[in-house]
PDB file of all heavy atoms in Angstrom:
ATOM      1  N   ASP A   1      -8.255   3.107 -10.242  1.00  0.00           N
ATOM      2  CA  ASP A   1      -9.626   2.661 -10.472  1.00  0.00           C
ATOM      3  C   ASP A   1      -9.758   1.892 -11.777  1.00  0.00           C
ATOM      4  O   ASP A   1     -10.476   0.885 -11.846  1.00  0.00           O
ATOM      5  CB  ASP A   1     -10.577   3.861 -10.475  1.00  0.00           C
ATOM      6  CG  ASP A   1     -10.797   4.440  -9.088  1.00  0.00           C
ATOM      7  OD1 ASP A   1     -10.539   3.719  -8.101  1.00  0.00           O
ATOM      8  OD2 ASP A   1     -11.210   5.613  -8.992  1.00  0.00           O
ATOM      9  N   ALA A   2      -9.072   2.358 -12.831  1.00  0.00           N
ATOM     10  CA  ALA A   2      -9.153   1.664 -14.118  1.00  0.00           C
ATOM     11  C   ALA A   2      -8.336   0.373 -14.112  1.00  0.00           C
ATOM     12  O   ALA A   2      -8.798  -0.676 -14.571  1.00  0.00           O
ATOM     13  CB  ALA A   2      -8.678   2.586 -15.239  1.00  0.00           C
ATOM     14  N   LEU A   3      -7.122   0.429 -13.574  1.00  0.00           N
ATOM     15  CA  LEU A   3      -6.234  -0.729 -13.637  1.00  0.00           C
ATOM     16  C   LEU A   3      -6.746  -1.915 -12.829  1.00  0.00           C
ATOM     17  O   LEU A   3      -6.377  -3.056 -13.108  1.00  0.00           O
ATOM     18  CB  LEU A   3      -4.833  -0.338 -13.175  1.00  0.00           C
ATOM     19  CG  LEU A   3      -4.064   0.595 -14.119  1.00  0.00           C
ATOM     20  CD1 LEU A   3      -2.729   0.990 -13.501  1.00  0.00           C
ATOM     21  CD2 LEU A   3      -3.846  -0.051 -15.483  1.00  0.00           C
ATOM     22  N   LYS A   4      -7.600  -1.686 -11.847  1.00  0.00           N
ATOM     23  CA  LYS A   4      -8.118  -2.812 -11.051  1.00  0.00           C
ATOM     24  C   LYS A   4      -8.991  -3.743 -11.880  1.00  0.00           C
ATOM     25  O   LYS A   4      -9.269  -4.867 -11.462  1.00  0.00           O
ATOM     26  CB  LYS A   4      -8.890  -2.295  -9.845  1.00  0.00           C
ATOM     27  CG  LYS A   4     -10.215  -1.624 -10.176  1.00  0.00           C
ATOM     28  CD  LYS A   4     -10.888  -1.086  -8.913  1.00  0.00           C
ATOM     29  CE  LYS A   4     -12.232  -0.433  -9.238  1.00  0.00           C
ATOM     30  NZ  LYS A   4     -12.849   0.155  -8.015  1.00  0.00           N
ATOM     31  N   HIS A   5      -9.385  -3.319 -13.095  1.00  0.00           N
ATOM     32  CA  HIS A   5     -10.206  -4.150 -13.970  1.00  0.00           C
ATOM     33  C   HIS A   5      -9.360  -5.076 -14.857  1.00  0.00           C
ATOM     34  O   HIS A   5      -9.923  -5.863 -15.629  1.00  0.00           O
ATOM     35  CB  HIS A   5     -11.082  -3.277 -14.858  1.00  0.00           C
ATOM     36  CG  HIS A   5     -12.136  -2.516 -14.104  1.00  0.00           C
ATOM     37  ND1 HIS A   5     -13.320  -3.082 -13.692  1.00  0.00           N
ATOM     38  CD2 HIS A   5     -12.147  -1.229 -13.660  1.00  0.00           C
ATOM     39  CE1 HIS A   5     -14.038  -2.183 -13.048  1.00  0.00           C
ATOM     40  NE2 HIS A   5     -13.346  -1.051 -12.994  1.00  0.00           N
ATOM     41  N   PHE A   6      -8.033  -4.973 -14.753  1.00  0.00           N
ATOM     42  CA  PHE A   6      -7.158  -5.710 -15.669  1.00  0.00           C
ATOM     43  C   PHE A   6      -6.161  -6.572 -14.903  1.00  0.00           C
ATOM     44  O   PHE A   6      -5.676  -6.190 -13.841  1.00  0.00           O
ATOM     45  CB  PHE A   6      -6.417  -4.740 -16.580  1.00  0.00           C
ATOM     46  CG  PHE A   6      -7.332  -3.911 -17.437  1.00  0.00           C
ATOM     47  CD1 PHE A   6      -7.707  -2.628 -17.047  1.00  0.00           C
ATOM     48  CD2 PHE A   6      -7.840  -4.415 -18.616  1.00  0.00           C
ATOM     49  CE1 PHE A   6      -8.566  -1.866 -17.815  1.00  0.00           C
ATOM     50  CE2 PHE A   6      -8.713  -3.661 -19.395  1.00  0.00           C
ATOM     51  CZ  PHE A   6      -9.079  -2.381 -18.998  1.00  0.00           C
ATOM     52  N   SER A   7      -5.854  -7.725 -15.492  1.00  0.00           N
ATOM     53  CA  SER A   7      -4.813  -8.595 -14.949  1.00  0.00           C
ATOM     54  C   SER A   7      -3.473  -8.375 -15.630  1.00  0.00           C
ATOM     55  O   SER A   7      -2.432  -8.681 -15.055  1.00  0.00           O
ATOM     56  CB  SER A   7      -5.214 -10.066 -15.116  1.00  0.00           C
ATOM     57  OG  SER A   7      -6.301 -10.393 -14.307  1.00  0.00           O
ATOM     58  N   VAL A   8      -3.508  -7.880 -16.868  1.00  0.00           N
ATOM     59  CA  VAL A   8      -2.260  -7.712 -17.617  1.00  0.00           C
ATOM     60  C   VAL A   8      -2.368  -6.480 -18.507  1.00  0.00           C
ATOM     61  O   VAL A   8      -3.426  -6.186 -19.073  1.00  0.00           O
ATOM     62  CB  VAL A   8      -1.935  -8.976 -18.456  1.00  0.00           C
ATOM     63  CG1 VAL A   8      -3.067  -9.333 -19.396  1.00  0.00           C
ATOM     64  CG2 VAL A   8      -0.642  -8.823 -19.225  1.00  0.00           C
ATOM     65  N   VAL A   9      -1.266  -5.749 -18.592  1.00  0.00           N
ATOM     66  CA  VAL A   9      -1.127  -4.621 -19.513  1.00  0.00           C
ATOM     67  C   VAL A   9      -0.188  -5.035 -20.634  1.00  0.00           C
ATOM     68  O   VAL A   9       0.932  -5.497 -20.370  1.00  0.00           O
ATOM     69  CB  VAL A   9      -0.561  -3.381 -18.795  1.00  0.00           C
ATOM     70  CG1 VAL A   9      -0.242  -2.274 -19.802  1.00  0.00           C
ATOM     71  CG2 VAL A   9      -1.546  -2.871 -17.743  1.00  0.00           C
ATOM     72  N   VAL A  10      -0.635  -4.901 -21.878  1.00  0.00           N
ATOM     73  CA  VAL A  10       0.216  -5.144 -23.039  1.00  0.00           C
ATOM     74  C   VAL A  10       0.653  -3.796 -23.591  1.00  0.00           C
ATOM     75  O   VAL A  10      -0.188  -2.981 -23.996  1.00  0.00           O
ATOM     76  CB  VAL A  10      -0.517  -5.947 -24.128  1.00  0.00           C
ATOM     77  CG1 VAL A  10       0.423  -6.203 -25.312  1.00  0.00           C
ATOM     78  CG2 VAL A  10      -1.039  -7.270 -23.578  1.00  0.00           C
ATOM     79  N   LEU A  11       1.947  -3.537 -23.573  1.00  0.00           N
ATOM     80  CA  LEU A  11       2.510  -2.304 -24.126  1.00  0.00           C
ATOM     81  C   LEU A  11       2.933  -2.592 -25.559  1.00  0.00           C
ATOM     82  O   LEU A  11       4.015  -3.119 -25.817  1.00  0.00           O
ATOM     83  CB  LEU A  11       3.691  -1.836 -23.279  1.00  0.00           C
ATOM     84  CG  LEU A  11       3.364  -1.528 -21.812  1.00  0.00           C
ATOM     85  CD1 LEU A  11       4.640  -1.233 -21.029  1.00  0.00           C
ATOM     86  CD2 LEU A  11       2.388  -0.366 -21.700  1.00  0.00           C
ATOM     87  N   ASN A  12       2.040  -2.297 -26.482  1.00  0.00           N
ATOM     88  CA  ASN A  12       2.237  -2.666 -27.880  1.00  0.00           C
ATOM     89  C   ASN A  12       3.008  -1.567 -28.616  1.00  0.00           C
ATOM     90  O   ASN A  12       2.419  -0.653 -29.193  1.00  0.00           O
ATOM     91  CB  ASN A  12       0.883  -2.923 -28.551  1.00  0.00           C
ATOM     92  CG  ASN A  12       1.052  -3.455 -29.963  1.00  0.00           C
ATOM     93  OD1 ASN A  12       2.110  -3.959 -30.329  1.00  0.00           O
ATOM     94  ND2 ASN A  12       0.002  -3.347 -30.759  1.00  0.00           N
ATOM     95  N   SER A  13       4.326  -1.664 -28.569  1.00  0.00           N
ATOM     96  CA  SER A  13       5.220  -0.640 -29.130  1.00  0.00           C
ATOM     97  C   SER A  13       4.908   0.742 -28.576  1.00  0.00           C
ATOM     98  O   SER A  13       5.122   1.758 -29.249  1.00  0.00           O
ATOM     99  CB  SER A  13       5.178  -0.635 -30.669  1.00  0.00           C
ATOM    100  OG  SER A  13       6.054  -1.603 -31.194  1.00  0.00           O
ATOM    101  N   ALA A  14       4.402   0.794 -27.346  1.00  0.00           N
ATOM    102  CA  ALA A  14       4.250   2.086 -26.662  1.00  0.00           C
ATOM    103  C   ALA A  14       5.643   2.684 -26.487  1.00  0.00           C
ATOM    104  O   ALA A  14       6.551   2.011 -26.001  1.00  0.00           O
ATOM    105  CB  ALA A  14       3.565   1.886 -25.316  1.00  0.00           C
ATOM    106  N   SER A  15       5.804   3.936 -26.884  1.00  0.00           N
ATOM    107  CA  SER A  15       7.149   4.517 -26.893  1.00  0.00           C
ATOM    108  C   SER A  15       7.142   5.910 -26.291  1.00  0.00           C
ATOM    109  O   SER A  15       6.106   6.564 -26.176  1.00  0.00           O
ATOM    110  CB  SER A  15       7.696   4.568 -28.324  1.00  0.00           C
ATOM    111  OG  SER A  15       6.896   5.423 -29.123  1.00  0.00           O
ATOM    112  N   GLY A  16       8.334   6.358 -25.923  1.00  0.00           N
ATOM    113  CA  GLY A  16       8.482   7.675 -25.334  1.00  0.00           C
ATOM    114  C   GLY A  16       7.969   7.711 -23.904  1.00  0.00           C
ATOM    115  O   GLY A  16       7.497   6.717 -23.362  1.00  0.00           O
ATOM    116  N   GLU A  17       8.074   8.884 -23.298  1.00  0.00           N
ATOM    117  CA  GLU A  17       7.549   9.073 -21.942  1.00  0.00           C
ATOM    118  C   GLU A  17       6.064   9.397 -22.073  1.00  0.00           C
ATOM    119  O   GLU A  17       5.681  10.550 -22.239  1.00  0.00           O
ATOM    120  CB  GLU A  17       8.312  10.185 -21.242  1.00  0.00           C
ATOM    121  CG  GLU A  17       9.758   9.834 -20.936  1.00  0.00           C
ATOM    122  CD  GLU A  17       9.868   8.713 -19.908  1.00  0.00           C
ATOM    123  OE1 GLU A  17       9.895   9.003 -18.712  1.00  0.00           O
ATOM    124  OE2 GLU A  17       9.923   7.530 -20.324  1.00  0.00           O
ATOM    125  N   PHE A  18       5.218   8.367 -22.016  1.00  0.00           N
ATOM    126  CA  PHE A  18       3.799   8.538 -22.315  1.00  0.00           C
ATOM    127  C   PHE A  18       2.935   8.610 -21.059  1.00  0.00           C
ATOM    128  O   PHE A  18       1.712   8.713 -21.163  1.00  0.00           O
ATOM    129  CB  PHE A  18       3.293   7.420 -23.237  1.00  0.00           C
ATOM    130  CG  PHE A  18       3.436   6.033 -22.677  1.00  0.00           C
ATOM    131  CD1 PHE A  18       2.387   5.445 -21.986  1.00  0.00           C
ATOM    132  CD2 PHE A  18       4.603   5.305 -22.873  1.00  0.00           C
ATOM    133  CE1 PHE A  18       2.506   4.164 -21.479  1.00  0.00           C
ATOM    134  CE2 PHE A  18       4.725   4.022 -22.372  1.00  0.00           C
ATOM    135  CZ  PHE A  18       3.670   3.450 -21.666  1.00  0.00           C
ATOM    136  N   LEU A  19       3.554   8.561 -19.870  1.00  0.00           N
ATOM    137  CA  LEU A  19       2.808   8.633 -18.622  1.00  0.00           C
ATOM    138  C   LEU A  19       3.263   9.829 -17.787  1.00  0.00           C
ATOM    139  O   LEU A  19       4.464  10.139 -17.745  1.00  0.00           O
ATOM    140  CB  LEU A  19       3.009   7.349 -17.806  1.00  0.00           C
ATOM    141  CG  LEU A  19       2.568   6.032 -18.445  1.00  0.00           C
ATOM    142  CD1 LEU A  19       2.885   4.873 -17.510  1.00  0.00           C
ATOM    143  CD2 LEU A  19       1.087   6.056 -18.796  1.00  0.00           C
ATOM    144  N   THR A  20       2.315  10.463 -17.118  1.00  0.00           N
ATOM    145  CA  THR A  20       2.663  11.485 -16.133  1.00  0.00           C
ATOM    146  C   THR A  20       3.241  10.780 -14.902  1.00  0.00           C
ATOM    147  O   THR A  20       3.095   9.564 -14.746  1.00  0.00           O
ATOM    148  CB  THR A  20       1.420  12.286 -15.716  1.00  0.00           C
ATOM    149  OG1 THR A  20       0.532  11.412 -14.992  1.00  0.00           O
ATOM    150  CG2 THR A  20       0.700  12.869 -16.922  1.00  0.00           C
ATOM    151  N   PRO A  21       3.896  11.503 -13.991  1.00  0.00           N
ATOM    152  CA  PRO A  21       4.395  10.857 -12.768  1.00  0.00           C
ATOM    153  C   PRO A  21       3.291  10.141 -11.989  1.00  0.00           C
ATOM    154  O   PRO A  21       3.521   9.046 -11.451  1.00  0.00           O
ATOM    155  CB  PRO A  21       4.978  12.030 -11.977  1.00  0.00           C
ATOM    156  CG  PRO A  21       5.407  13.012 -13.018  1.00  0.00           C
ATOM    157  CD  PRO A  21       4.355  12.908 -14.085  1.00  0.00           C
ATOM    158  N   GLU A  22       2.097  10.713 -11.922  1.00  0.00           N
ATOM    159  CA  GLU A  22       1.001  10.071 -11.201  1.00  0.00           C
ATOM    160  C   GLU A  22       0.555   8.790 -11.898  1.00  0.00           C
ATOM    161  O   GLU A  22       0.254   7.780 -11.240  1.00  0.00           O
ATOM    162  CB  GLU A  22      -0.179  11.032 -11.080  1.00  0.00           C
ATOM    163  CG  GLU A  22       0.085  12.254 -10.217  1.00  0.00           C
ATOM    164  CD  GLU A  22       0.901  13.328 -10.929  1.00  0.00           C
ATOM    165  OE1 GLU A  22       1.071  13.232 -12.180  1.00  0.00           O
ATOM    166  OE2 GLU A  22       1.377  14.257 -10.248  1.00  0.00           O
ATOM    167  N   GLN A  23       0.522   8.805 -13.234  1.00  0.00           N
ATOM    168  CA  GLN A  23       0.127   7.614 -13.991  1.00  0.00           C
ATOM    169  C   GLN A  23       1.179   6.517 -13.859  1.00  0.00           C
ATOM    170  O   GLN A  23       0.841   5.329 -13.722  1.00  0.00           O
ATOM    171  CB  GLN A  23      -0.105   7.995 -15.449  1.00  0.00           C
ATOM    172  CG  GLN A  23      -1.325   8.880 -15.643  1.00  0.00           C
ATOM    173  CD  GLN A  23      -1.300   9.656 -16.945  1.00  0.00           C
ATOM    174  OE1 GLN A  23      -0.439   9.455 -17.813  1.00  0.00           O
ATOM    175  NE2 GLN A  23      -2.257  10.566 -17.110  1.00  0.00           N
ATOM    176  N   GLN A  24       2.457   6.903 -13.895  1.00  0.00           N
ATOM    177  CA  GLN A  24       3.494   5.893 -13.706  1.00  0.00           C
ATOM    178  C   GLN A  24       3.425   5.295 -12.308  1.00  0.00           C
ATOM    179  O   GLN A  24       3.639   4.092 -12.126  1.00  0.00           O
ATOM    180  CB  GLN A  24       4.879   6.477 -13.940  1.00  0.00           C
ATOM    181  CG  GLN A  24       5.966   5.413 -13.790  1.00  0.00           C
ATOM    182  CD  GLN A  24       7.337   5.935 -14.066  1.00  0.00           C
ATOM    183  OE1 GLN A  24       7.739   6.022 -15.215  1.00  0.00           O
ATOM    184  NE2 GLN A  24       8.065   6.295 -13.008  1.00  0.00           N
ATOM    185  N   ALA A  25       3.124   6.107 -11.305  1.00  0.00           N
ATOM    186  CA  ALA A  25       2.993   5.585  -9.944  1.00  0.00           C
ATOM    187  C   ALA A  25       1.872   4.560  -9.865  1.00  0.00           C
ATOM    188  O   ALA A  25       2.007   3.539  -9.176  1.00  0.00           O
ATOM    189  CB  ALA A  25       2.750   6.728  -8.965  1.00  0.00           C
ATOM    190  N   ALA A  26       0.772   4.809 -10.569  1.00  0.00           N
ATOM    191  CA  ALA A  26      -0.323   3.832 -10.605  1.00  0.00           C
ATOM    192  C   ALA A  26       0.122   2.549 -11.303  1.00  0.00           C
ATOM    193  O   ALA A  26      -0.245   1.445 -10.879  1.00  0.00           O
ATOM    194  CB  ALA A  26      -1.534   4.439 -11.312  1.00  0.00           C
ATOM    195  N   PHE A  27       0.909   2.685 -12.359  1.00  0.00           N
ATOM    196  CA  PHE A  27       1.451   1.514 -13.065  1.00  0.00           C
ATOM    197  C   PHE A  27       2.367   0.719 -12.131  1.00  0.00           C
ATOM    198  O   PHE A  27       2.300  -0.519 -12.077  1.00  0.00           O
ATOM    199  CB  PHE A  27       2.203   1.985 -14.303  1.00  0.00           C
ATOM    200  CG  PHE A  27       2.585   0.899 -15.278  1.00  0.00           C
ATOM    201  CD1 PHE A  27       2.008  -0.354 -15.247  1.00  0.00           C
ATOM    202  CD2 PHE A  27       3.545   1.158 -16.255  1.00  0.00           C
ATOM    203  CE1 PHE A  27       2.365  -1.338 -16.171  1.00  0.00           C
ATOM    204  CE2 PHE A  27       3.917   0.191 -17.165  1.00  0.00           C
ATOM    205  CZ  PHE A  27       3.326  -1.060 -17.126  1.00  0.00           C
ATOM    206  N   GLN A  28       3.209   1.399 -11.387  1.00  0.00           N
ATOM    207  CA  GLN A  28       4.089   0.726 -10.437  1.00  0.00           C
ATOM    208  C   GLN A  28       3.283  -0.036  -9.389  1.00  0.00           C
ATOM    209  O   GLN A  28       3.620  -1.177  -9.044  1.00  0.00           O
ATOM    210  CB  GLN A  28       4.999   1.748  -9.748  1.00  0.00           C
ATOM    211  CG  GLN A  28       6.040   2.360 -10.665  1.00  0.00           C
ATOM    212  CD  GLN A  28       6.914   3.374  -9.958  1.00  0.00           C
ATOM    213  OE1 GLN A  28       7.100   4.490 -10.423  1.00  0.00           O
ATOM    214  NE2 GLN A  28       7.483   3.000  -8.829  1.00  0.00           N
ATOM    215  N   ARG A  29       2.218   0.570  -8.879  1.00  0.00           N
ATOM    216  CA  ARG A  29       1.384  -0.113  -7.886  1.00  0.00           C
ATOM    217  C   ARG A  29       0.702  -1.334  -8.493  1.00  0.00           C
ATOM    218  O   ARG A  29       0.554  -2.369  -7.834  1.00  0.00           O
ATOM    219  CB  ARG A  29       0.352   0.855  -7.312  1.00  0.00           C
ATOM    220  CG  ARG A  29       0.941   1.933  -6.415  1.00  0.00           C
ATOM    221  CD  ARG A  29      -0.127   2.708  -5.663  1.00  0.00           C
ATOM    222  NE  ARG A  29      -0.958   3.524  -6.539  1.00  0.00           N
ATOM    223  CZ  ARG A  29      -0.681   4.786  -6.873  1.00  0.00           C
ATOM    224  NH1 ARG A  29       0.430   5.388  -6.430  1.00  0.00           N
ATOM    225  NH2 ARG A  29      -1.497   5.459  -7.658  1.00  0.00           N
ATOM    226  N   PHE A  30       0.312  -1.212  -9.756  1.00  0.00           N
ATOM    227  CA  PHE A  30      -0.309  -2.340 -10.463  1.00  0.00           C
ATOM    228  C   PHE A  30       0.635  -3.539 -10.497  1.00  0.00           C
ATOM    229  O   PHE A  30       0.239  -4.674 -10.184  1.00  0.00           O
ATOM    230  CB  PHE A  30      -0.675  -1.897 -11.883  1.00  0.00           C
ATOM    231  CG  PHE A  30      -1.139  -2.994 -12.803  1.00  0.00           C
ATOM    232  CD1 PHE A  30      -2.443  -3.454 -12.741  1.00  0.00           C
ATOM    233  CD2 PHE A  30      -0.280  -3.537 -13.742  1.00  0.00           C
ATOM    234  CE1 PHE A  30      -2.876  -4.457 -13.602  1.00  0.00           C
ATOM    235  CE2 PHE A  30      -0.698  -4.527 -14.602  1.00  0.00           C
ATOM    236  CZ  PHE A  30      -2.005  -4.996 -14.537  1.00  0.00           C
ATOM    237  N   VAL A  31       1.892  -3.309 -10.867  1.00  0.00           N
ATOM    238  CA  VAL A  31       2.872  -4.398 -10.936  1.00  0.00           C
ATOM    239  C   VAL A  31       3.204  -4.910  -9.535  1.00  0.00           C
ATOM    240  O   VAL A  31       3.345  -6.117  -9.313  1.00  0.00           O
ATOM    241  CB  VAL A  31       4.141  -3.934 -11.679  1.00  0.00           C
ATOM    242  CG1 VAL A  31       5.217  -5.019 -11.661  1.00  0.00           C
ATOM    243  CG2 VAL A  31       3.805  -3.545 -13.120  1.00  0.00           C
ATOM    244  N   ALA A  32       3.310  -4.006  -8.569  1.00  0.00           N
ATOM    245  CA  ALA A  32       3.665  -4.396  -7.199  1.00  0.00           C
ATOM    246  C   ALA A  32       2.617  -5.292  -6.561  1.00  0.00           C
ATOM    247  O   ALA A  32       2.945  -6.144  -5.720  1.00  0.00           O
ATOM    248  CB  ALA A  32       3.880  -3.150  -6.341  1.00  0.00           C
ATOM    249  N   ARG A  33       1.357  -5.127  -6.966  1.00  0.00           N
ATOM    250  CA  ARG A  33       0.323  -5.985  -6.376  1.00  0.00           C
ATOM    251  C   ARG A  33       0.047  -7.233  -7.209  1.00  0.00           C
ATOM    252  O   ARG A  33      -0.876  -7.997  -6.911  1.00  0.00           O
ATOM    253  CB  ARG A  33      -0.971  -5.192  -6.159  1.00  0.00           C
ATOM    254  CG  ARG A  33      -1.666  -4.688  -7.398  1.00  0.00           C
ATOM    255  CD  ARG A  33      -3.005  -4.010  -7.032  1.00  0.00           C
ATOM    256  NE  ARG A  33      -3.662  -3.457  -8.201  1.00  0.00           N
ATOM    257  CZ  ARG A  33      -3.618  -2.182  -8.566  1.00  0.00           C
ATOM    258  NH1 ARG A  33      -2.931  -1.318  -7.823  1.00  0.00           N
ATOM    259  NH2 ARG A  33      -4.251  -1.759  -9.651  1.00  0.00           N
ATOM    260  N   GLY A  34       0.839  -7.438  -8.269  1.00  0.00           N
ATOM    261  CA  GLY A  34       0.748  -8.682  -9.025  1.00  0.00           C
ATOM    262  C   GLY A  34       0.249  -8.557 -10.439  1.00  0.00           C
ATOM    263  O   GLY A  34       0.066  -9.567 -11.122  1.00  0.00           O
ATOM    264  N   GLY A  35       0.028  -7.329 -10.921  1.00  0.00           N
ATOM    265  CA  GLY A  35      -0.396  -7.153 -12.304  1.00  0.00           C
ATOM    266  C   GLY A  35       0.712  -7.486 -13.279  1.00  0.00           C
ATOM    267  O   GLY A  35       1.889  -7.196 -13.042  1.00  0.00           O
ATOM    268  N   GLY A  36       0.361  -8.142 -14.387  1.00  0.00           N
ATOM    269  CA  GLY A  36       1.354  -8.575 -15.361  1.00  0.00           C
ATOM    270  C   GLY A  36       1.583  -7.555 -16.459  1.00  0.00           C
ATOM    271  O   GLY A  36       0.733  -6.700 -16.729  1.00  0.00           O
ATOM    272  N   VAL A  37       2.746  -7.654 -17.107  1.00  0.00           N
ATOM    273  CA  VAL A  37       3.110  -6.758 -18.208  1.00  0.00           C
ATOM    274  C   VAL A  37       3.677  -7.585 -19.351  1.00  0.00           C
ATOM    275  O   VAL A  37       4.545  -8.441 -19.139  1.00  0.00           O
ATOM    276  CB  VAL A  37       4.153  -5.713 -17.775  1.00  0.00           C
ATOM    277  CG1 VAL A  37       4.524  -4.795 -18.951  1.00  0.00           C
ATOM    278  CG2 VAL A  37       3.659  -4.892 -16.599  1.00  0.00           C
TER     279      VAL A  37
END
């Protein structure tokens, strides 16, 4: 629901395992449908 508002995610020195498995799955879907990183 949140990621549909964005075209690109900037990971600004984001480090470590900062996503739960469910959050990473949402990130994967974001990239798979054309979201930029």
